[in-house]
Amino acid sequence: MRERRAAYMPLCHKCGRYAEYLDVESGRWLCAKCIASIVEYKFLRGIRLAKPRRGDNLVMVCRGDLQSYYALKTLIKVEKAYEVTIEAIELAPQPLCEELCEEEGIKYCFEEAKHDTYTDFRLAVLARLRGARDPLLVMPDALEDLAVYAMSEVWLGDLRGLLLDMLFRVSYPLSGVSVKALALLEPRLAARLPPAYLLASSRELLEELSRSTPSLPYSAVEALFELTAKLRKKSIKTS
């Protein structure tokens, strides 16, 4: 019976091991080891697209969720490669990343806060960093975060949160990574940390729509970034 069940298990497209995760973007099954390497590659590619400068100050923006912890842990690997410095600010109900920052000798600042929407969080970050000297902000938003933010806030006319992108250089290295993939890589953390602002209703609606249109989250994020780029370009011209 066990052999029969194993025979029906999908195999990893890259290495042939038993797969644990279906990558919707590529349509391929992957094992945990291969998805880890792919997620890290996407993360580092996202950082490169932001074009960090030598001596740059990278500010990891954390909000006490799985996405923030994974992003910070992976960002630490960037520090030596790009000759940059990293600091972390965490706006959350409870500190999650403090211990990791202490272990790695990273400057850390915690502010107890609770936000109901992505817009509220982004405005809080803007207020916290106003006056900062041209840092490169690294946001923790994963694919679903940005898709829900676009569809439930930006598309409904609330553009206030995009002011963050107008005033700072901002990187979204997890924009092409699903929260589900991160949960596979950090199962213990995922079990005790709910997604920050992915409310059950929003999460269920996104999953329902994605079943019939798997590309929907990716399309929403792509459209969000296009809008942000146009607004940023316009703000530069008028400044």
C-alpha atoms as a PDB file:
ATOM      1  CA  MET A   1       0.000   0.000   0.000  1.00  0.00           C
ATOM      2  CA  ARG A   2       2.833   2.374   0.903  1.00  0.00           C
ATOM      3  CA  GLU A   3       4.634   1.600  -2.366  1.00  0.00           C
ATOM      4  CA  ARG A   4       1.434   2.238  -4.329  1.00  0.00           C
ATOM      5  CA  ARG A   5       0.925   5.592  -2.566  1.00  0.00           C
ATOM      6  CA  ALA A   6       4.561   6.557  -3.222  1.00  0.00           C
ATOM      7  CA  ALA A   7       4.160   5.758  -6.901  1.00  0.00           C
ATOM      8  CA  TYR A   8       1.529   8.491  -7.197  1.00  0.00           C
ATOM      9  CA  MET A   9       3.628  11.156  -5.464  1.00  0.00           C
ATOM     10  CA  PRO A  10       4.893  13.815  -7.880  1.00  0.00           C
ATOM     11  CA  LEU A  11       8.637  14.070  -8.382  1.00  0.00           C
ATOM     12  CA  CYS A  12      10.733  17.208  -8.273  1.00  0.00           C
ATOM     13  CA  HIS A  13      11.256  18.629 -11.759  1.00  0.00           C
ATOM     14  CA  LYS A  14      14.862  19.598 -10.963  1.00  0.00           C
ATOM     15  CA  CYS A  15      16.330  16.728  -8.945  1.00  0.00           C
ATOM     16  CA  GLY A  16      13.870  13.814  -9.082  1.00  0.00           C
ATOM     17  CA  ARG A  17      13.204  13.651  -5.330  1.00  0.00           C
ATOM     18  CA  TYR A  18       9.658  13.449  -4.020  1.00  0.00           C
ATOM     19  CA  ALA A  19       8.100  16.872  -4.527  1.00  0.00           C
ATOM     20  CA  GLU A  20       6.311  18.871  -1.838  1.00  0.00           C
ATOM     21  CA  TYR A  21       5.346  22.074  -3.618  1.00  0.00           C
ATOM     22  CA  LEU A  22       3.726  23.020  -6.924  1.00  0.00           C
ATOM     23  CA  ASP A  23       5.204  26.221  -8.309  1.00  0.00           C
ATOM     24  CA  VAL A  24       2.202  27.846  -9.985  1.00  0.00           C
ATOM     25  CA  GLU A  25       4.327  30.268 -11.998  1.00  0.00           C
ATOM     26  CA  SER A  26       6.233  27.495 -13.788  1.00  0.00           C
ATOM     27  CA  GLY A  27       3.685  24.694 -13.338  1.00  0.00           C
ATOM     28  CA  ARG A  28       6.441  22.439 -11.965  1.00  0.00           C
ATOM     29  CA  TRP A  29       6.595  20.311  -8.826  1.00  0.00           C
ATOM     30  CA  LEU A  30       9.594  20.949  -6.570  1.00  0.00           C
ATOM     31  CA  CYS A  31      11.105  19.448  -3.429  1.00  0.00           C
ATOM     32  CA  ALA A  32      11.890  21.576  -0.377  1.00  0.00           C
ATOM     33  CA  LYS A  33      15.613  21.758  -1.181  1.00  0.00           C
ATOM     34  CA  CYS A  34      15.049  22.972  -4.731  1.00  0.00           C
ATOM     35  CA  ILE A  35      12.345  25.455  -3.793  1.00  0.00           C
ATOM     36  CA  ALA A  36      14.744  26.881  -1.185  1.00  0.00           C
ATOM     37  CA  SER A  37      17.405  27.524  -3.828  1.00  0.00           C
ATOM     38  CA  ILE A  38      14.849  29.029  -6.230  1.00  0.00           C
ATOM     39  CA  VAL A  39      13.362  31.318  -3.574  1.00  0.00           C
ATOM     40  CA  GLU A  40      16.827  32.516  -2.567  1.00  0.00           C
ATOM     41  CA  TYR A  41      17.697  33.119  -6.231  1.00  0.00           C
ATOM     42  CA  LYS A  42      14.515  35.179  -6.724  1.00  0.00           C
ATOM     43  CA  PHE A  43      15.263  37.127  -3.559  1.00  0.00           C
ATOM     44  CA  LEU A  44      18.819  37.985  -4.587  1.00  0.00           C
ATOM     45  CA  ARG A  45      17.648  38.881  -8.098  1.00  0.00           C
ATOM     46  CA  GLY A  46      15.119  41.267  -6.553  1.00  0.00           C
ATOM     47  CA  ILE A  47      17.878  42.952  -4.567  1.00  0.00           C
ATOM     48  CA  ARG A  48      20.064  43.261  -7.679  1.00  0.00           C
ATOM     49  CA  LEU A  49      17.206  44.938  -9.576  1.00  0.00           C
ATOM     50  CA  ALA A  50      17.203  47.653  -6.913  1.00  0.00           C
ATOM     51  CA  LYS A  51      20.861  48.341  -7.828  1.00  0.00           C
ATOM     52  CA  PRO A  52      22.358  48.701  -4.350  1.00  0.00           C
ATOM     53  CA  ARG A  53      25.399  50.963  -4.271  1.00  0.00           C
ATOM     54  CA  ARG A  54      28.655  50.253  -2.507  1.00  0.00           C
ATOM     55  CA  GLY A  55      28.334  51.546   1.027  1.00  0.00           C
ATOM     56  CA  ASP A  56      24.536  51.656   0.818  1.00  0.00           C
ATOM     57  CA  ASN A  57      22.414  51.434   3.941  1.00  0.00           C
ATOM     58  CA  LEU A  58      19.797  48.704   3.465  1.00  0.00           C
ATOM     59  CA  VAL A  59      16.879  49.038   5.864  1.00  0.00           C
ATOM     60  CA  MET A  60      14.955  45.796   6.317  1.00  0.00           C
ATOM     61  CA  VAL A  61      11.376  46.690   7.159  1.00  0.00           C
ATOM     62  CA  CYS A  62       9.846  44.006   9.396  1.00  0.00           C
ATOM     63  CA  ARG A  63       6.294  43.574  10.661  1.00  0.00           C
ATOM     64  CA  GLY A  64       6.535  40.479  12.857  1.00  0.00           C
ATOM     65  CA  ASP A  65       5.544  37.864  10.283  1.00  0.00           C
ATOM     66  CA  LEU A  66       7.048  34.902   8.442  1.00  0.00           C
ATOM     67  CA  GLN A  67       7.838  36.999   5.385  1.00  0.00           C
ATOM     68  CA  SER A  68       9.836  39.510   7.429  1.00  0.00           C
ATOM     69  CA  TYR A  69      11.890  36.868   9.207  1.00  0.00           C
ATOM     70  CA  TYR A  70      12.775  35.005   6.025  1.00  0.00           C
ATOM     71  CA  ALA A  71      13.616  38.235   4.186  1.00  0.00           C
ATOM     72  CA  LEU A  72      15.919  39.426   6.964  1.00  0.00           C
ATOM     73  CA  LYS A  73      17.654  36.059   7.234  1.00  0.00           C
ATOM     74  CA  THR A  74      18.287  35.995   3.487  1.00  0.00           C
ATOM     75  CA  LEU A  75      19.253  39.659   3.285  1.00  0.00           C
ATOM     76  CA  ILE A  76      22.095  39.031   5.717  1.00  0.00           C
ATOM     77  CA  LYS A  77      23.778  36.990   2.972  1.00  0.00           C
ATOM     78  CA  VAL A  78      23.766  40.079   0.749  1.00  0.00           C
ATOM     79  CA  GLU A  79      25.792  42.247   3.105  1.00  0.00           C
ATOM     80  CA  LYS A  80      29.238  40.891   2.211  1.00  0.00           C
ATOM     81  CA  ALA A  81      28.518  40.447  -1.498  1.00  0.00           C
ATOM     82  CA  TYR A  82      27.515  44.077  -2.014  1.00  0.00           C
ATOM     83  CA  GLU A  83      29.631  45.803   0.651  1.00  0.00           C
ATOM     84  CA  VAL A  84      26.573  47.371   2.243  1.00  0.00           C
ATOM     85  CA  THR A  85      25.338  47.795   5.784  1.00  0.00           C
ATOM     86  CA  ILE A  86      22.044  46.426   7.039  1.00  0.00           C
ATOM     87  CA  GLU A  87      19.750  47.614   9.771  1.00  0.00           C
ATOM     88  CA  ALA A  88      16.267  46.462  10.671  1.00  0.00           C
ATOM     89  CA  ILE A  89      13.202  48.272  11.904  1.00  0.00           C
ATOM     90  CA  GLU A  90      10.278  46.240  13.156  1.00  0.00           C
ATOM     91  CA  LEU A  91       6.799  47.700  13.495  1.00  0.00           C
ATOM     92  CA  ALA A  92       4.757  44.897  15.008  1.00  0.00           C
ATOM     93  CA  PRO A  93       2.739  43.833  18.061  1.00  0.00           C
ATOM     94  CA  GLN A  94       5.740  41.832  19.330  1.00  0.00           C
ATOM     95  CA  PRO A  95       9.433  41.646  18.358  1.00  0.00           C
ATOM     96  CA  LEU A  96      10.255  38.676  16.143  1.00  0.00           C
ATOM     97  CA  CYS A  97      13.571  39.594  14.531  1.00  0.00           C
ATOM     98  CA  GLU A  98      15.407  41.018  17.553  1.00  0.00           C
ATOM     99  CA  GLU A  99      17.293  37.831  18.426  1.00  0.00           C
ATOM    100  CA  LEU A 100      18.438  37.277  14.837  1.00  0.00           C
ATOM    101  CA  CYS A 101      19.705  40.857  14.652  1.00  0.00           C
ATOM    102  CA  GLU A 102      21.603  40.470  17.925  1.00  0.00           C
ATOM    103  CA  GLU A 103      23.238  37.263  16.683  1.00  0.00           C
ATOM    104  CA  GLU A 104      24.346  38.941  13.453  1.00  0.00           C
ATOM    105  CA  GLY A 105      25.338  42.275  14.983  1.00  0.00           C
ATOM    106  CA  ILE A 106      22.702  44.197  13.022  1.00  0.00           C
ATOM    107  CA  LYS A 107      21.310  47.490  14.265  1.00  0.00           C
ATOM    108  CA  TYR A 108      17.710  46.872  15.296  1.00  0.00           C
ATOM    109  CA  CYS A 109      14.847  49.100  16.330  1.00  0.00           C
ATOM    110  CA  PHE A 110      11.453  47.863  17.494  1.00  0.00           C
ATOM    111  CA  GLU A 111       8.269  49.884  17.689  1.00  0.00           C
ATOM    112  CA  GLU A 112       5.170  48.251  19.120  1.00  0.00           C
ATOM    113  CA  ALA A 113       2.389  48.756  16.606  1.00  0.00           C
ATOM    114  CA  LYS A 114      -0.627  47.080  15.080  1.00  0.00           C
ATOM    115  CA  HIS A 115      -1.899  47.956  11.620  1.00  0.00           C
ATOM    116  CA  ASP A 116      -5.080  46.796   9.947  1.00  0.00           C
ATOM    117  CA  THR A 117      -4.096  47.369   6.319  1.00  0.00           C
ATOM    118  CA  TYR A 118      -1.020  47.430   4.129  1.00  0.00           C
ATOM    119  CA  THR A 119      -1.610  51.149   3.560  1.00  0.00           C
ATOM    120  CA  ASP A 120      -1.563  51.834   7.310  1.00  0.00           C
ATOM    121  CA  PHE A 121       1.672  49.884   7.652  1.00  0.00           C
ATOM    122  CA  ARG A 122       3.355  51.668   4.739  1.00  0.00           C
ATOM    123  CA  LEU A 123       2.344  55.085   6.077  1.00  0.00           C
ATOM    124  CA  ALA A 124       3.774  54.123   9.479  1.00  0.00           C
ATOM    125  CA  VAL A 125       7.055  53.141   7.805  1.00  0.00           C
ATOM    126  CA  LEU A 126       7.069  56.446   5.944  1.00  0.00           C
ATOM    127  CA  ALA A 127       6.570  58.387   9.166  1.00  0.00           C
ATOM    128  CA  ARG A 128       9.263  56.353  10.929  1.00  0.00           C
ATOM    129  CA  LEU A 129      11.875  56.943   8.203  1.00  0.00           C
ATOM    130  CA  ARG A 130      11.027  60.473   7.153  1.00  0.00           C
ATOM    131  CA  GLY A 131      14.272  62.421   7.115  1.00  0.00           C
ATOM    132  CA  ALA A 132      16.444  59.316   6.603  1.00  0.00           C
ATOM    133  CA  ARG A 133      19.392  59.797   4.234  1.00  0.00           C
ATOM    134  CA  ASP A 134      18.549  57.908   1.044  1.00  0.00           C
ATOM    135  CA  PRO A 135      18.351  54.344   2.407  1.00  0.00           C
ATOM    136  CA  LEU A 136      17.360  51.392   0.250  1.00  0.00           C
ATOM    137  CA  LEU A 137      14.241  49.957   1.859  1.00  0.00           C
ATOM    138  CA  VAL A 138      13.726  46.203   1.671  1.00  0.00           C
ATOM    139  CA  MET A 139      10.048  45.364   2.105  1.00  0.00           C
ATOM    140  CA  PRO A 140       8.817  41.955   3.354  1.00  0.00           C
ATOM    141  CA  ASP A 141       5.842  41.690   0.988  1.00  0.00           C
ATOM    142  CA  ALA A 142       5.420  38.302  -0.676  1.00  0.00           C
ATOM    143  CA  LEU A 143       3.340  37.619  -3.789  1.00  0.00           C
ATOM    144  CA  GLU A 144       0.002  37.376  -1.977  1.00  0.00           C
ATOM    145  CA  ASP A 145       0.729  40.475   0.121  1.00  0.00           C
ATOM    146  CA  LEU A 146       1.222  42.633  -2.952  1.00  0.00           C
ATOM    147  CA  ALA A 147      -1.693  41.084  -4.844  1.00  0.00           C
ATOM    148  CA  VAL A 148      -4.110  41.704  -1.962  1.00  0.00           C
ATOM    149  CA  TYR A 149      -2.692  45.202  -1.426  1.00  0.00           C
ATOM    150  CA  ALA A 150      -3.224  46.024  -5.105  1.00  0.00           C
ATOM    151  CA  MET A 151      -6.724  44.577  -5.411  1.00  0.00           C
ATOM    152  CA  SER A 152      -8.223  45.542  -2.047  1.00  0.00           C
ATOM    153  CA  GLU A 153      -6.582  48.929  -1.482  1.00  0.00           C
ATOM    154  CA  VAL A 154      -4.840  50.477  -4.506  1.00  0.00           C
ATOM    155  CA  TRP A 155      -7.446  49.490  -7.115  1.00  0.00           C
ATOM    156  CA  LEU A 156     -10.130  50.894  -4.828  1.00  0.00           C
ATOM    157  CA  GLY A 157      -8.464  54.283  -4.975  1.00  0.00           C
ATOM    158  CA  ASP A 158      -6.271  54.406  -1.866  1.00  0.00           C
ATOM    159  CA  LEU A 159      -2.885  55.394  -3.305  1.00  0.00           C
ATOM    160  CA  ARG A 160      -1.464  56.858  -0.090  1.00  0.00           C
ATOM    161  CA  GLY A 161       0.762  53.870   0.567  1.00  0.00           C
ATOM    162  CA  LEU A 162       2.523  54.336  -2.774  1.00  0.00           C
ATOM    163  CA  LEU A 163       4.019  57.554  -1.432  1.00  0.00           C
ATOM    164  CA  LEU A 164       6.652  55.320   0.164  1.00  0.00           C
ATOM    165  CA  ASP A 165       7.870  54.358  -3.317  1.00  0.00           C
ATOM    166  CA  MET A 166       7.869  57.986  -4.438  1.00  0.00           C
ATOM    167  CA  LEU A 167      10.140  59.167  -1.637  1.00  0.00           C
ATOM    168  CA  PHE A 168      12.491  56.198  -1.197  1.00  0.00           C
ATOM    169  CA  ARG A 169      14.289  53.557  -3.174  1.00  0.00           C
ATOM    170  CA  VAL A 170      12.319  50.403  -2.397  1.00  0.00           C
ATOM    171  CA  SER A 171      13.028  46.743  -3.125  1.00  0.00           C
ATOM    172  CA  TYR A 172      10.469  43.913  -3.050  1.00  0.00           C
ATOM    173  CA  PRO A 173      12.660  40.788  -3.284  1.00  0.00           C
ATOM    174  CA  LEU A 174       9.816  38.418  -2.307  1.00  0.00           C
ATOM    175  CA  SER A 175       7.339  39.798  -4.850  1.00  0.00           C
ATOM    176  CA  GLY A 176       7.519  36.619  -6.935  1.00  0.00           C
ATOM    177  CA  VAL A 177       7.497  34.225  -3.967  1.00  0.00           C
ATOM    178  CA  SER A 178       4.343  32.727  -2.472  1.00  0.00           C
ATOM    179  CA  VAL A 179       3.749  32.724   1.270  1.00  0.00           C
ATOM    180  CA  LYS A 180       3.069  28.992   0.849  1.00  0.00           C
ATOM    181  CA  ALA A 181       6.642  28.450  -0.330  1.00  0.00           C
ATOM    182  CA  LEU A 182       7.993  30.338   2.681  1.00  0.00           C
ATOM    183  CA  ALA A 183       5.800  28.241   4.984  1.00  0.00           C
ATOM    184  CA  LEU A 184       7.377  25.118   3.509  1.00  0.00           C
ATOM    185  CA  LEU A 185      10.853  26.490   4.231  1.00  0.00           C
ATOM    186  CA  GLU A 186      10.033  27.697   7.767  1.00  0.00           C
ATOM    187  CA  PRO A 187       7.308  25.267   8.966  1.00  0.00           C
ATOM    188  CA  ARG A 188       7.695  25.866  12.720  1.00  0.00           C
ATOM    189  CA  LEU A 189       7.549  29.621  12.329  1.00  0.00           C
ATOM    190  CA  ALA A 190       4.658  29.413   9.882  1.00  0.00           C
ATOM    191  CA  ALA A 191       2.660  27.299  12.331  1.00  0.00           C
ATOM    192  CA  ARG A 192       2.630  30.024  14.975  1.00  0.00           C
ATOM    193  CA  LEU A 193       2.639  33.156  12.815  1.00  0.00           C
ATOM    194  CA  PRO A 194      -0.416  34.059  10.729  1.00  0.00           C
ATOM    195  CA  PRO A 195       0.217  36.176   7.606  1.00  0.00           C
ATOM    196  CA  ALA A 196       0.241  39.783   8.769  1.00  0.00           C
ATOM    197  CA  TYR A 197      -2.507  41.457   6.775  1.00  0.00           C
ATOM    198  CA  LEU A 198      -3.819  38.588   4.685  1.00  0.00           C
ATOM    199  CA  LEU A 199      -7.226  38.578   6.342  1.00  0.00           C
ATOM    200  CA  ALA A 200      -9.131  35.324   5.993  1.00  0.00           C
ATOM    201  CA  SER A 201     -11.682  36.902   3.636  1.00  0.00           C
ATOM    202  CA  SER A 202      -9.005  38.395   1.369  1.00  0.00           C
ATOM    203  CA  ARG A 203      -6.942  35.224   1.431  1.00  0.00           C
ATOM    204  CA  GLU A 204      -9.913  33.028   0.584  1.00  0.00           C
ATOM    205  CA  LEU A 205     -11.030  35.332  -2.239  1.00  0.00           C
ATOM    206  CA  LEU A 206      -7.534  35.406  -3.721  1.00  0.00           C
ATOM    207  CA  GLU A 207      -7.250  31.619  -3.543  1.00  0.00           C
ATOM    208  CA  GLU A 208     -10.690  31.168  -5.099  1.00  0.00           C
ATOM    209  CA  LEU A 209      -9.912  33.502  -7.992  1.00  0.00           C
ATOM    210  CA  SER A 210      -6.476  31.947  -8.450  1.00  0.00           C
ATOM    211  CA  ARG A 211      -7.952  28.481  -8.917  1.00  0.00           C
ATOM    212  CA  SER A 212      -9.602  29.564 -12.161  1.00  0.00           C
ATOM    213  CA  THR A 213      -6.884  32.080 -13.073  1.00  0.00           C
ATOM    214  CA  PRO A 214      -3.535  30.956 -11.574  1.00  0.00           C
ATOM    215  CA  SER A 215      -1.738  33.936 -13.081  1.00  0.00           C
ATOM    216  CA  LEU A 216      -3.980  36.475 -11.301  1.00  0.00           C
ATOM    217  CA  PRO A 217      -1.651  37.289  -8.364  1.00  0.00           C
ATOM    218  CA  TYR A 218       1.303  37.719 -10.731  1.00  0.00           C
ATOM    219  CA  SER A 219      -0.726  39.962 -13.052  1.00  0.00           C
ATOM    220  CA  ALA A 220      -1.923  42.080 -10.130  1.00  0.00           C
ATOM    221  CA  VAL A 221       1.632  42.559  -8.857  1.00  0.00           C
ATOM    222  CA  GLU A 222       2.933  43.360 -12.337  1.00  0.00           C
ATOM    223  CA  ALA A 223       0.209  45.991 -12.789  1.00  0.00           C
ATOM    224  CA  LEU A 224       0.977  47.432  -9.348  1.00  0.00           C
ATOM    225  CA  PHE A 225       4.660  47.811 -10.205  1.00  0.00           C
ATOM    226  CA  GLU A 226       3.811  49.401 -13.560  1.00  0.00           C
ATOM    227  CA  LEU A 227       1.591  51.934 -11.817  1.00  0.00           C
ATOM    228  CA  THR A 228       4.276  52.641  -9.221  1.00  0.00           C
ATOM    229  CA  ALA A 229       6.923  53.168 -11.915  1.00  0.00           C
ATOM    230  CA  LYS A 230       4.697  55.610 -13.813  1.00  0.00           C
ATOM    231  CA  LEU A 231       3.840  57.566 -10.679  1.00  0.00           C
ATOM    232  CA  ARG A 232       7.486  57.678  -9.646  1.00  0.00           C
ATOM    233  CA  LYS A 233       8.537  58.885 -13.089  1.00  0.00           C
ATOM    234  CA  LYS A 234       5.856  61.558 -12.982  1.00  0.00           C
ATOM    235  CA  SER A 235       6.876  62.692  -9.501  1.00  0.00           C
ATOM    236  CA  ILE A 236      10.522  63.015 -10.600  1.00  0.00           C
ATOM    237  CA  LYS A 237       9.522  65.179 -13.576  1.00  0.00           C
ATOM    238  CA  THR A 238       7.408  67.497 -11.443  1.00  0.00           C
ATOM    239  CA  SER A 239       9.854  67.792  -8.553  1.00  0.00           C
END
